[in-house]
């Protein structure tokens, strides 16, 4: 009986620490809220928000590079939200050879987005940059139709 109580205690402790390890910070949660707010505007035009997101911390004049698989014929919007310390974000898209693709851009302080329709299916890279402001929590997600 002692063995099962001990096993249960160890399991509970492991579950607690595993949840703590994957829990998002308050900054990341606020950044995700901002990104979802922006992506919601695109959903009014028929875009569906893709499951999943990327969250992290970005420093001034640094860029995060996120790989995405896209399909020809779809139209995509890549939305980024950040916490209040960010004043200006930039979103750029690159093809698999590293060439920047032409996008429609939206920038509004701690929110930014880039949209385009790929001619060919394949892997693309989205660059998220903090142009002005202090180190901030950032969240990236994308929508398609």
N, C-alpha and C. Protein backbone atom coordinates (compact mmCIF):
# COMPACT_ATOMS: atom_id res chain seq x y z
N UNK A 1 0.82 -1.19 0.00
CA UNK A 1 0.00 0.00 0.00
C UNK A 1 0.87 1.26 0.00
N UNK A 2 1.98 1.23 0.76
CA UNK A 2 2.86 2.38 0.79
C UNK A 2 3.46 2.64 -0.59
N UNK A 3 3.72 1.60 -1.32
CA UNK A 3 4.30 1.73 -2.65
C UNK A 3 3.34 2.48 -3.57
N UNK A 4 2.06 2.19 -3.54
CA UNK A 4 1.12 2.85 -4.43
C UNK A 4 0.92 4.31 -4.05
N UNK A 5 0.95 4.64 -2.77
CA UNK A 5 0.83 6.04 -2.36
C UNK A 5 2.08 6.81 -2.78
N UNK A 6 3.24 6.19 -2.61
CA UNK A 6 4.49 6.82 -3.04
C UNK A 6 4.49 7.02 -4.55
N UNK A 7 4.06 6.00 -5.29
CA UNK A 7 4.00 6.11 -6.75
C UNK A 7 3.05 7.22 -7.17
N UNK A 8 1.91 7.31 -6.50
CA UNK A 8 0.94 8.36 -6.81
C UNK A 8 1.52 9.74 -6.52
N UNK A 9 2.25 9.87 -5.43
CA UNK A 9 2.87 11.16 -5.08
C UNK A 9 3.91 11.56 -6.11
N UNK A 10 4.72 10.60 -6.54
CA UNK A 10 5.74 10.90 -7.55
C UNK A 10 5.08 11.29 -8.87
N UNK A 11 4.03 10.56 -9.26
CA UNK A 11 3.32 10.89 -10.49
C UNK A 11 2.74 12.30 -10.42
N UNK A 12 2.12 12.66 -9.28
CA UNK A 12 1.53 14.00 -9.12
C UNK A 12 2.61 15.07 -9.21
N UNK A 13 3.76 14.82 -8.58
CA UNK A 13 4.85 15.80 -8.62
C UNK A 13 5.38 15.97 -10.04
N UNK A 14 5.53 14.86 -10.77
CA UNK A 14 6.00 14.93 -12.16
C UNK A 14 5.00 15.68 -13.03
N UNK A 15 3.72 15.41 -12.85
CA UNK A 15 2.69 16.10 -13.63
C UNK A 15 2.72 17.60 -13.35
N UNK A 16 2.90 17.98 -12.07
CA UNK A 16 2.95 19.39 -11.70
C UNK A 16 4.13 20.09 -12.38
N UNK A 17 5.32 19.47 -12.29
CA UNK A 17 6.49 20.09 -12.89
C UNK A 17 6.44 20.10 -14.41
N UNK A 18 5.84 19.11 -15.02
CA UNK A 18 5.68 19.09 -16.47
C UNK A 18 4.75 20.22 -16.90
N UNK A 19 3.67 20.45 -16.16
CA UNK A 19 2.75 21.54 -16.49
C UNK A 19 3.44 22.89 -16.32
N UNK A 20 4.26 23.02 -15.29
CA UNK A 20 4.99 24.26 -15.08
C UNK A 20 5.99 24.52 -16.20
N UNK A 21 6.60 23.47 -16.72
CA UNK A 21 7.60 23.62 -17.77
C UNK A 21 7.00 24.11 -19.08
N UNK A 22 5.74 23.76 -19.36
CA UNK A 22 5.13 24.17 -20.61
C UNK A 22 4.18 25.35 -20.46
N UNK A 23 3.97 25.82 -19.24
CA UNK A 23 3.07 26.94 -19.02
C UNK A 23 3.66 28.20 -19.63
N UNK A 24 2.80 28.99 -20.23
CA UNK A 24 3.24 30.24 -20.84
C UNK A 24 3.33 31.32 -19.76
N UNK A 25 4.21 32.28 -20.00
CA UNK A 25 4.34 33.40 -19.09
C UNK A 25 3.17 34.36 -19.31
N UNK A 26 3.00 35.29 -18.39
CA UNK A 26 1.95 36.30 -18.53
C UNK A 26 2.17 37.12 -19.80
N UNK A 27 3.44 37.45 -20.11
CA UNK A 27 3.74 38.22 -21.32
C UNK A 27 3.33 37.45 -22.57
N UNK A 28 3.60 36.15 -22.59
CA UNK A 28 3.23 35.34 -23.76
C UNK A 28 1.72 35.24 -23.91
N UNK A 29 1.01 35.15 -22.78
CA UNK A 29 -0.45 35.09 -22.82
C UNK A 29 -1.01 36.41 -23.36
N UNK A 30 -0.48 37.53 -22.89
CA UNK A 30 -0.92 38.84 -23.38
C UNK A 30 -0.60 39.01 -24.86
N UNK A 31 0.56 38.53 -25.26
CA UNK A 31 0.94 38.62 -26.68
C UNK A 31 0.01 37.76 -27.53
N UNK A 32 -0.36 36.59 -27.04
CA UNK A 32 -1.27 35.73 -27.79
C UNK A 32 -2.64 36.37 -27.92
N UNK A 33 -3.07 37.04 -26.87
CA UNK A 33 -4.35 37.76 -26.91
C UNK A 33 -4.33 38.83 -28.01
N UNK A 34 -3.22 39.56 -28.10
CA UNK A 34 -3.08 40.60 -29.13
C UNK A 34 -3.07 39.98 -30.53
N UNK A 35 -2.35 38.86 -30.70
CA UNK A 35 -2.29 38.19 -32.00
C UNK A 35 -3.66 37.65 -32.40
N UNK A 36 -4.39 37.07 -31.45
CA UNK A 36 -5.73 36.56 -31.74
C UNK A 36 -6.70 37.69 -32.07
N UNK A 37 -6.53 38.82 -31.42
CA UNK A 37 -7.36 39.99 -31.71
C UNK A 37 -7.17 40.42 -33.16
N UNK A 38 -5.93 40.48 -33.60
CA UNK A 38 -5.62 40.85 -34.98
C UNK A 38 -6.12 39.79 -35.96
N UNK A 39 -5.85 38.52 -35.67
CA UNK A 39 -6.28 37.43 -36.55
C UNK A 39 -7.80 37.37 -36.65
N UNK A 40 -8.49 37.80 -35.60
CA UNK A 40 -9.95 37.82 -35.61
C UNK A 40 -10.49 38.73 -36.69
N UNK A 41 -9.78 39.80 -36.98
CA UNK A 41 -10.21 40.71 -38.05
C UNK A 41 -10.17 40.00 -39.41
N UNK A 42 -9.18 39.14 -39.61
CA UNK A 42 -9.10 38.39 -40.86
C UNK A 42 -10.16 37.30 -40.93
N UNK A 43 -10.54 36.76 -39.78
CA UNK A 43 -11.58 35.73 -39.79
C UNK A 43 -12.93 36.31 -40.23
N UNK A 44 -13.11 37.62 -40.06
CA UNK A 44 -14.32 38.28 -40.56
C UNK A 44 -14.38 38.23 -42.09
N UNK A 45 -13.23 38.05 -42.73
CA UNK A 45 -13.16 37.94 -44.19
C UNK A 45 -13.08 36.48 -44.65
N UNK A 46 -13.41 35.54 -43.77
CA UNK A 46 -13.45 34.14 -44.14
C UNK A 46 -12.19 33.34 -43.87
N UNK A 47 -11.18 33.95 -43.25
CA UNK A 47 -9.95 33.24 -42.92
C UNK A 47 -10.16 32.38 -41.68
N UNK A 48 -9.54 31.20 -41.68
CA UNK A 48 -9.59 30.30 -40.54
C UNK A 48 -8.24 30.36 -39.84
N UNK A 49 -8.28 30.47 -38.52
CA UNK A 49 -7.04 30.51 -37.74
C UNK A 49 -6.50 29.09 -37.61
N UNK A 50 -5.27 28.92 -38.01
CA UNK A 50 -4.61 27.61 -37.95
C UNK A 50 -4.36 27.23 -36.50
N UNK A 51 -4.57 25.96 -36.17
CA UNK A 51 -4.28 25.48 -34.82
C UNK A 51 -2.80 25.67 -34.53
N UNK A 52 -2.50 26.00 -33.32
CA UNK A 52 -1.11 26.15 -32.90
C UNK A 52 -0.63 27.58 -33.03
N UNK A 53 0.44 27.86 -32.34
CA UNK A 53 1.05 29.18 -32.37
C UNK A 53 2.49 29.05 -31.89
N UNK A 54 3.25 30.12 -32.06
CA UNK A 54 4.61 30.18 -31.55
C UNK A 54 4.66 31.36 -30.60
N UNK A 55 5.16 31.15 -29.40
CA UNK A 55 5.33 32.22 -28.42
C UNK A 55 6.77 32.23 -27.94
N UNK A 56 7.23 33.40 -27.60
CA UNK A 56 8.58 33.52 -27.09
C UNK A 56 8.88 34.96 -26.71
N UNK A 57 10.12 35.21 -26.47
CA UNK A 57 10.58 36.56 -26.11
C UNK A 57 11.49 37.02 -27.23
N UNK A 58 11.33 38.28 -27.61
CA UNK A 58 12.17 38.84 -28.66
C UNK A 58 12.79 40.14 -28.16
N UNK A 59 14.05 40.34 -28.52
CA UNK A 59 14.80 41.53 -28.09
C UNK A 59 14.82 42.54 -29.22
N UNK A 60 15.09 43.81 -28.90
CA UNK A 60 15.14 44.84 -29.94
C UNK A 60 16.13 44.48 -31.05
N UNK A 61 15.70 44.75 -32.26
CA UNK A 61 16.50 44.54 -33.47
C UNK A 61 16.87 43.07 -33.69
N UNK A 62 16.16 42.16 -33.02
CA UNK A 62 16.33 40.73 -33.26
C UNK A 62 15.14 40.23 -34.06
N UNK A 63 15.32 39.07 -34.69
CA UNK A 63 14.26 38.47 -35.48
C UNK A 63 14.10 37.01 -35.09
N UNK A 64 12.87 36.56 -35.04
CA UNK A 64 12.57 35.14 -34.88
C UNK A 64 12.20 34.63 -36.26
N UNK A 65 12.66 33.46 -36.62
CA UNK A 65 12.38 32.87 -37.93
C UNK A 65 11.57 31.60 -37.71
N UNK A 66 10.38 31.56 -38.29
CA UNK A 66 9.45 30.46 -38.09
C UNK A 66 9.18 29.79 -39.44
N UNK A 67 9.40 28.49 -39.51
CA UNK A 67 9.16 27.73 -40.75
C UNK A 67 7.69 27.32 -40.81
N UNK A 68 7.08 27.50 -41.98
CA UNK A 68 5.68 27.11 -42.19
C UNK A 68 5.57 26.41 -43.54
N UNK A 69 4.70 25.43 -43.62
CA UNK A 69 4.42 24.75 -44.89
C UNK A 69 3.13 25.34 -45.46
N UNK A 70 3.21 25.86 -46.67
CA UNK A 70 2.08 26.53 -47.29
C UNK A 70 1.71 25.84 -48.60
N UNK A 71 0.47 26.07 -49.02
CA UNK A 71 -0.06 25.43 -50.22
C UNK A 71 -0.47 26.47 -51.25
N UNK A 72 -0.10 26.22 -52.50
CA UNK A 72 -0.48 27.10 -53.60
C UNK A 72 -1.99 27.15 -53.68
N UNK A 73 -2.52 28.31 -53.99
CA UNK A 73 -3.97 28.48 -54.11
C UNK A 73 -4.62 29.00 -52.85
N UNK A 74 -3.97 28.86 -51.70
CA UNK A 74 -4.50 29.42 -50.46
C UNK A 74 -3.98 30.84 -50.29
N UNK A 75 -4.71 31.63 -49.52
CA UNK A 75 -4.24 32.95 -49.14
C UNK A 75 -3.97 32.90 -47.64
N UNK A 76 -2.87 33.48 -47.21
CA UNK A 76 -2.46 33.41 -45.81
C UNK A 76 -2.27 34.81 -45.22
N UNK A 77 -2.57 34.92 -43.92
CA UNK A 77 -2.21 36.10 -43.13
C UNK A 77 -1.43 35.61 -41.92
N UNK A 78 -0.25 36.19 -41.71
CA UNK A 78 0.60 35.87 -40.57
C UNK A 78 0.48 37.02 -39.57
N UNK A 79 -0.08 36.73 -38.41
CA UNK A 79 -0.35 37.76 -37.41
C UNK A 79 0.59 37.62 -36.22
N UNK A 80 1.05 38.77 -35.72
CA UNK A 80 1.94 38.80 -34.57
C UNK A 80 1.42 39.83 -33.59
N UNK A 81 1.42 39.45 -32.32
CA UNK A 81 1.07 40.36 -31.25
C UNK A 81 2.16 40.34 -30.20
N UNK A 82 2.33 41.44 -29.51
CA UNK A 82 3.37 41.53 -28.49
C UNK A 82 2.82 42.26 -27.27
N UNK A 83 3.60 42.23 -26.21
CA UNK A 83 3.22 42.93 -24.99
C UNK A 83 3.46 44.42 -25.16
N UNK A 84 3.03 45.20 -24.18
CA UNK A 84 3.09 46.65 -24.26
C UNK A 84 4.46 47.27 -24.43
N UNK A 85 5.54 46.54 -24.11
CA UNK A 85 6.88 47.11 -24.26
C UNK A 85 7.31 47.24 -25.72
N UNK A 86 6.65 46.49 -26.60
CA UNK A 86 6.97 46.56 -28.03
C UNK A 86 6.23 47.75 -28.63
N UNK A 87 6.94 48.56 -29.40
CA UNK A 87 6.30 49.71 -30.05
C UNK A 87 6.10 49.51 -31.53
N UNK A 88 6.95 48.69 -32.16
CA UNK A 88 6.81 48.46 -33.59
C UNK A 88 7.35 47.08 -33.94
N UNK A 89 6.51 46.29 -34.60
CA UNK A 89 6.88 44.95 -35.06
C UNK A 89 6.89 44.92 -36.58
N UNK A 90 7.62 43.97 -37.13
CA UNK A 90 7.63 43.77 -38.58
C UNK A 90 7.51 42.29 -38.87
N UNK A 91 6.76 41.96 -39.92
CA UNK A 91 6.58 40.59 -40.36
C UNK A 91 6.97 40.51 -41.83
N UNK A 92 7.88 39.61 -42.16
CA UNK A 92 8.33 39.41 -43.54
C UNK A 92 8.26 37.92 -43.84
N UNK A 93 8.07 37.59 -45.12
CA UNK A 93 7.97 36.19 -45.54
C UNK A 93 9.04 35.92 -46.60
N UNK A 94 9.68 34.74 -46.47
CA UNK A 94 10.74 34.34 -47.39
C UNK A 94 10.42 32.95 -47.95
N UNK A 95 10.78 32.73 -49.21
CA UNK A 95 10.58 31.40 -49.79
C UNK A 95 11.71 30.48 -49.35
N UNK A 96 11.67 29.23 -49.82
CA UNK A 96 12.65 28.24 -49.36
C UNK A 96 14.08 28.54 -49.81
N UNK A 97 14.24 29.42 -50.80
CA UNK A 97 15.59 29.79 -51.23
C UNK A 97 16.09 31.05 -50.53
N UNK A 98 15.27 31.61 -49.63
CA UNK A 98 15.68 32.78 -48.86
C UNK A 98 15.32 34.10 -49.49
N UNK A 99 14.57 34.08 -50.59
CA UNK A 99 14.16 35.32 -51.25
C UNK A 99 12.88 35.86 -50.59
N UNK A 100 12.90 37.13 -50.27
CA UNK A 100 11.71 37.73 -49.66
C UNK A 100 10.59 37.80 -50.69
N UNK A 101 9.38 37.44 -50.28
CA UNK A 101 8.23 37.49 -51.17
C UNK A 101 7.45 38.77 -50.91
N UNK A 102 6.73 39.22 -51.92
CA UNK A 102 5.93 40.44 -51.79
C UNK A 102 4.68 40.12 -50.99
N UNK A 103 4.40 40.92 -49.98
CA UNK A 103 3.25 40.71 -49.11
C UNK A 103 2.46 41.99 -48.93
N UNK A 104 1.21 41.83 -48.53
CA UNK A 104 0.42 42.96 -48.03
C UNK A 104 0.84 43.09 -46.57
N UNK A 105 1.06 44.30 -46.09
CA UNK A 105 1.53 44.48 -44.72
C UNK A 105 0.57 45.32 -43.90
N UNK A 106 0.51 44.98 -42.63
CA UNK A 106 -0.27 45.75 -41.65
C UNK A 106 0.61 45.93 -40.42
N UNK A 107 0.73 47.17 -39.95
CA UNK A 107 1.50 47.45 -38.74
C UNK A 107 0.74 48.44 -37.89
N UNK A 108 0.60 48.11 -36.61
CA UNK A 108 -0.08 49.01 -35.67
C UNK A 108 0.52 48.79 -34.28
N UNK A 109 1.66 49.42 -34.03
CA UNK A 109 2.28 49.31 -32.72
C UNK A 109 2.70 47.89 -32.40
N UNK A 110 2.08 47.32 -31.34
CA UNK A 110 2.47 45.99 -30.91
C UNK A 110 1.77 44.87 -31.68
N UNK A 111 1.17 45.20 -32.82
CA UNK A 111 0.56 44.20 -33.70
C UNK A 111 1.06 44.43 -35.12
N UNK A 112 1.26 43.34 -35.84
CA UNK A 112 1.66 43.43 -37.25
C UNK A 112 1.22 42.16 -37.96
N UNK A 113 1.07 42.28 -39.28
CA UNK A 113 0.67 41.12 -40.08
C UNK A 113 1.20 41.27 -41.50
N UNK A 114 1.33 40.13 -42.14
CA UNK A 114 1.71 40.08 -43.56
C UNK A 114 0.85 39.02 -44.21
N UNK A 115 0.35 39.35 -45.41
CA UNK A 115 -0.51 38.41 -46.12
C UNK A 115 -0.04 38.20 -47.54
N UNK A 116 -0.22 36.97 -48.04
CA UNK A 116 0.10 36.68 -49.44
C UNK A 116 -0.45 35.33 -49.84
N UNK A 117 -0.42 35.08 -51.16
CA UNK A 117 -0.85 33.80 -51.74
C UNK A 117 0.34 33.20 -52.48
N UNK A 118 0.85 32.06 -52.01
CA UNK A 118 2.00 31.45 -52.69
C UNK A 118 1.60 30.86 -54.04
N UNK A 119 2.49 30.99 -54.99
CA UNK A 119 2.28 30.41 -56.32
C UNK A 119 2.59 28.92 -56.28
N UNK A 120 3.60 28.54 -55.50
CA UNK A 120 4.01 27.14 -55.36
C UNK A 120 3.85 26.69 -53.92
N UNK A 121 3.50 25.44 -53.73
CA UNK A 121 3.44 24.86 -52.39
C UNK A 121 4.86 24.61 -51.92
N UNK A 122 5.07 24.66 -50.61
CA UNK A 122 6.38 24.35 -50.06
C UNK A 122 6.61 25.00 -48.73
N UNK A 123 7.85 24.95 -48.30
CA UNK A 123 8.22 25.54 -47.02
C UNK A 123 8.59 27.01 -47.22
N UNK A 124 8.07 27.83 -46.33
CA UNK A 124 8.36 29.26 -46.31
C UNK A 124 8.83 29.60 -44.91
N UNK A 125 9.41 30.79 -44.77
CA UNK A 125 9.91 31.23 -43.48
C UNK A 125 9.33 32.61 -43.18
N UNK A 126 8.79 32.76 -41.99
CA UNK A 126 8.23 34.04 -41.56
C UNK A 126 9.18 34.64 -40.54
N UNK A 127 9.60 35.86 -40.80
CA UNK A 127 10.49 36.58 -39.91
C UNK A 127 9.66 37.57 -39.09
N UNK A 128 9.81 37.49 -37.78
CA UNK A 128 9.13 38.40 -36.86
C UNK A 128 10.22 39.23 -36.20
N UNK A 129 10.14 40.55 -36.36
CA UNK A 129 11.18 41.41 -35.80
C UNK A 129 10.62 42.48 -34.89
N UNK A 130 11.37 42.79 -33.85
CA UNK A 130 11.05 43.90 -32.96
C UNK A 130 11.88 45.09 -33.42
N UNK A 131 11.22 46.03 -34.08
CA UNK A 131 11.91 47.19 -34.66
C UNK A 131 12.15 48.28 -33.63
N UNK A 132 11.13 48.54 -32.80
CA UNK A 132 11.24 49.56 -31.76
C UNK A 132 10.61 49.03 -30.48
N UNK A 133 11.22 49.39 -29.35
CA UNK A 133 10.68 48.99 -28.06
C UNK A 133 11.69 48.15 -27.29
N UNK A 134 11.20 47.63 -26.16
CA UNK A 134 12.03 46.83 -25.28
C UNK A 134 11.70 45.36 -25.44
N UNK A 135 12.55 44.51 -24.87
CA UNK A 135 12.33 43.07 -24.91
C UNK A 135 10.87 42.77 -24.55
N UNK A 136 10.24 41.94 -25.37
CA UNK A 136 8.81 41.71 -25.22
C UNK A 136 8.43 40.26 -25.48
N UNK A 137 7.35 39.86 -24.86
CA UNK A 137 6.74 38.59 -25.19
C UNK A 137 6.04 38.74 -26.52
N UNK A 138 6.17 37.74 -27.40
CA UNK A 138 5.63 37.81 -28.75
C UNK A 138 4.87 36.51 -29.04
N UNK A 139 3.81 36.62 -29.82
CA UNK A 139 3.07 35.44 -30.26
C UNK A 139 2.81 35.55 -31.75
N UNK A 140 3.04 34.44 -32.46
CA UNK A 140 2.83 34.35 -33.90
C UNK A 140 1.78 33.28 -34.16
N UNK A 141 0.85 33.58 -35.05
CA UNK A 141 -0.10 32.59 -35.53
C UNK A 141 -0.51 32.97 -36.94
N UNK A 142 -1.14 32.03 -37.65
CA UNK A 142 -1.53 32.39 -39.01
C UNK A 142 -2.89 31.84 -39.38
N UNK A 143 -3.46 32.51 -40.39
CA UNK A 143 -4.80 32.20 -40.87
C UNK A 143 -4.72 31.89 -42.37
N UNK A 144 -5.70 31.15 -42.85
CA UNK A 144 -5.71 30.77 -44.26
C UNK A 144 -7.13 30.69 -44.78
N UNK A 145 -7.26 30.80 -46.11
CA UNK A 145 -8.54 30.50 -46.78
C UNK A 145 -8.26 30.15 -48.22
